[in-house]
Amino acid sequence: MPNIKSQAKRLRQNEKRRLRNRYFRGRARTFVKKARQAMDEGNLDAARQFTHQAIKALDKAAEKGILHKNNVARRKSRLMKRLAAFEQAQAE
């Protein structure tokens, strides 16, 4: 345990932030995973829905500074590219 009051407060703040960051990061990961899974299963409607939710969750994480904006842009780009290829394959 810290001997200094300000350090004790810093520990409390860090724990609160860690939990908040974990929530938003985990939420984004979950939707990305669900979108990929829907594509693997061949479910176009679910893939579109989960991709939309994943993009929303990733944007929110970037907005709050939890994930870097370029990291989010890369993830969104890869997800949309995969969705477009999946839609193209379904159309054929």
C-alpha atoms as a PDB file:
ATOM      1  CA  MET A   1       0.000   0.000   0.000  1.00  0.00           C
ATOM      2  CA  PRO A   2       1.185   3.507  -0.742  1.00  0.00           C
ATOM      3  CA  ASN A   3       2.387   5.758   2.046  1.00  0.00           C
ATOM      4  CA  ILE A   4       1.414   8.931   0.236  1.00  0.00           C
ATOM      5  CA  LYS A   5      -2.178  10.169  -0.034  1.00  0.00           C
ATOM      6  CA  SER A   6      -1.846  11.306  -3.621  1.00  0.00           C
ATOM      7  CA  GLN A   7      -0.472   7.922  -4.620  1.00  0.00           C
ATOM      8  CA  ALA A   8      -3.417   6.162  -2.954  1.00  0.00           C
ATOM      9  CA  LYS A   9      -5.769   8.377  -4.935  1.00  0.00           C
ATOM     10  CA  ARG A  10      -3.807   7.682  -8.114  1.00  0.00           C
ATOM     11  CA  LEU A  11      -4.239   3.928  -7.524  1.00  0.00           C
ATOM     12  CA  ARG A  12      -8.000   4.342  -7.140  1.00  0.00           C
ATOM     13  CA  GLN A  13      -8.186   6.427 -10.325  1.00  0.00           C
ATOM     14  CA  ASN A  14      -6.097   3.943 -12.293  1.00  0.00           C
ATOM     15  CA  GLU A  15      -8.310   1.052 -11.244  1.00  0.00           C
ATOM     16  CA  LYS A  16     -11.453   2.926 -12.263  1.00  0.00           C
ATOM     17  CA  ARG A  17      -9.945   3.799 -15.643  1.00  0.00           C
ATOM     18  CA  ARG A  18      -8.694   0.255 -16.191  1.00  0.00           C
ATOM     19  CA  LEU A  19     -12.180  -1.146 -15.672  1.00  0.00           C
ATOM     20  CA  ARG A  20     -13.764   1.471 -17.923  1.00  0.00           C
ATOM     21  CA  ASN A  21     -11.180   0.881 -20.667  1.00  0.00           C
ATOM     22  CA  ARG A  22     -11.635  -2.869 -20.367  1.00  0.00           C
ATOM     23  CA  TYR A  23     -15.391  -2.516 -20.861  1.00  0.00           C
ATOM     24  CA  PHE A  24     -15.111  -0.520 -24.095  1.00  0.00           C
ATOM     25  CA  ARG A  25     -12.216  -2.570 -25.488  1.00  0.00           C
ATOM     26  CA  GLY A  26     -13.985  -5.837 -24.701  1.00  0.00           C
ATOM     27  CA  ARG A  27     -17.241  -4.644 -26.221  1.00  0.00           C
ATOM     28  CA  ALA A  28     -15.484  -3.737 -29.471  1.00  0.00           C
ATOM     29  CA  ARG A  29     -13.674  -7.098 -29.550  1.00  0.00           C
ATOM     30  CA  THR A  30     -16.925  -8.981 -28.956  1.00  0.00           C
ATOM     31  CA  PHE A  31     -18.747  -7.361 -31.864  1.00  0.00           C
ATOM     32  CA  VAL A  32     -15.787  -7.841 -34.225  1.00  0.00           C
ATOM     33  CA  LYS A  33     -15.672 -11.499 -33.243  1.00  0.00           C
ATOM     34  CA  LYS A  34     -19.436 -11.904 -33.752  1.00  0.00           C
ATOM     35  CA  ALA A  35     -19.240 -10.232 -37.174  1.00  0.00           C
ATOM     36  CA  ARG A  36     -16.442 -12.552 -38.306  1.00  0.00           C
ATOM     37  CA  GLN A  37     -18.293 -15.554 -36.937  1.00  0.00           C
ATOM     38  CA  ALA A  38     -21.475 -14.586 -38.807  1.00  0.00           C
ATOM     39  CA  MET A  39     -19.455 -14.303 -42.025  1.00  0.00           C
ATOM     40  CA  ASP A  40     -17.912 -17.723 -41.454  1.00  0.00           C
ATOM     41  CA  GLU A  41     -21.361 -19.210 -40.900  1.00  0.00           C
ATOM     42  CA  GLY A  42     -22.678 -17.581 -44.081  1.00  0.00           C
ATOM     43  CA  ASN A  43     -25.270 -15.355 -42.381  1.00  0.00           C
ATOM     44  CA  LEU A  44     -25.303 -12.099 -44.368  1.00  0.00           C
ATOM     45  CA  ASP A  45     -27.894 -10.188 -42.315  1.00  0.00           C
ATOM     46  CA  ALA A  46     -26.183 -10.978 -39.021  1.00  0.00           C
ATOM     47  CA  ALA A  47     -22.785 -10.139 -40.515  1.00  0.00           C
ATOM     48  CA  ARG A  48     -24.028  -6.699 -41.592  1.00  0.00           C
ATOM     49  CA  GLN A  49     -25.651  -6.052 -38.224  1.00  0.00           C
ATOM     50  CA  PHE A  50     -22.637  -7.110 -36.160  1.00  0.00           C
ATOM     51  CA  THR A  51     -20.256  -5.222 -38.453  1.00  0.00           C
ATOM     52  CA  HIS A  52     -22.287  -2.061 -37.916  1.00  0.00           C
ATOM     53  CA  GLN A  53     -22.231  -2.615 -34.138  1.00  0.00           C
ATOM     54  CA  ALA A  54     -18.493  -3.356 -34.204  1.00  0.00           C
ATOM     55  CA  ILE A  55     -17.761  -0.128 -36.070  1.00  0.00           C
ATOM     56  CA  LYS A  56     -19.877   1.809 -33.604  1.00  0.00           C
ATOM     57  CA  ALA A  57     -18.074   0.218 -30.633  1.00  0.00           C
ATOM     58  CA  LEU A  58     -14.644   0.819 -32.184  1.00  0.00           C
ATOM     59  CA  ASP A  59     -15.483   4.474 -32.876  1.00  0.00           C
ATOM     60  CA  LYS A  60     -16.646   4.928 -29.305  1.00  0.00           C
ATOM     61  CA  ALA A  61     -13.399   3.417 -27.976  1.00  0.00           C
ATOM     62  CA  ALA A  62     -11.368   5.765 -30.199  1.00  0.00           C
ATOM     63  CA  GLU A  63     -13.460   8.741 -29.141  1.00  0.00           C
ATOM     64  CA  LYS A  64     -12.721   8.010 -25.483  1.00  0.00           C
ATOM     65  CA  GLY A  65      -9.008   7.546 -26.161  1.00  0.00           C
ATOM     66  CA  ILE A  66      -9.026   3.861 -25.250  1.00  0.00           C
ATOM     67  CA  LEU A  67      -7.859   2.729 -28.695  1.00  0.00           C
ATOM     68  CA  HIS A  68      -5.745   4.837 -31.018  1.00  0.00           C
ATOM     69  CA  LYS A  69      -7.679   6.310 -33.951  1.00  0.00           C
ATOM     70  CA  ASN A  70      -5.355   4.729 -36.527  1.00  0.00           C
ATOM     71  CA  ASN A  71      -5.703   1.348 -34.848  1.00  0.00           C
ATOM     72  CA  VAL A  72      -9.485   1.707 -35.031  1.00  0.00           C
ATOM     73  CA  ALA A  73      -9.323   2.832 -38.659  1.00  0.00           C
ATOM     74  CA  ARG A  74      -7.236  -0.230 -39.546  1.00  0.00           C
ATOM     75  CA  ARG A  75      -9.625  -2.612 -37.787  1.00  0.00           C
ATOM     76  CA  LYS A  76     -12.680  -1.029 -39.413  1.00  0.00           C
ATOM     77  CA  SER A  77     -11.039  -1.135 -42.818  1.00  0.00           C
ATOM     78  CA  ARG A  78     -10.200  -4.827 -42.518  1.00  0.00           C
ATOM     79  CA  LEU A  79     -13.667  -5.659 -41.256  1.00  0.00           C
ATOM     80  CA  MET A  80     -15.407  -3.740 -44.056  1.00  0.00           C
ATOM     81  CA  LYS A  81     -13.093  -5.265 -46.652  1.00  0.00           C
ATOM     82  CA  ARG A  82     -13.972  -8.723 -45.376  1.00  0.00           C
ATOM     83  CA  LEU A  83     -17.692  -7.904 -45.351  1.00  0.00           C
ATOM     84  CA  ALA A  84     -17.534  -6.600 -48.945  1.00  0.00           C
ATOM     85  CA  ALA A  85     -15.765  -9.767 -50.087  1.00  0.00           C
ATOM     86  CA  PHE A  86     -18.349 -11.859 -48.244  1.00  0.00           C
ATOM     87  CA  GLU A  87     -21.243  -9.954 -49.840  1.00  0.00           C
ATOM     88  CA  GLN A  88     -19.622 -10.382 -53.256  1.00  0.00           C
ATOM     89  CA  ALA A  89     -19.252 -14.112 -52.690  1.00  0.00           C
ATOM     90  CA  GLN A  90     -22.899 -14.361 -51.577  1.00  0.00           C
ATOM     91  CA  ALA A  91     -24.081 -12.500 -54.692  1.00  0.00           C
ATOM     92  CA  GLU A  92     -22.413 -14.994 -57.014  1.00  0.00           C
END
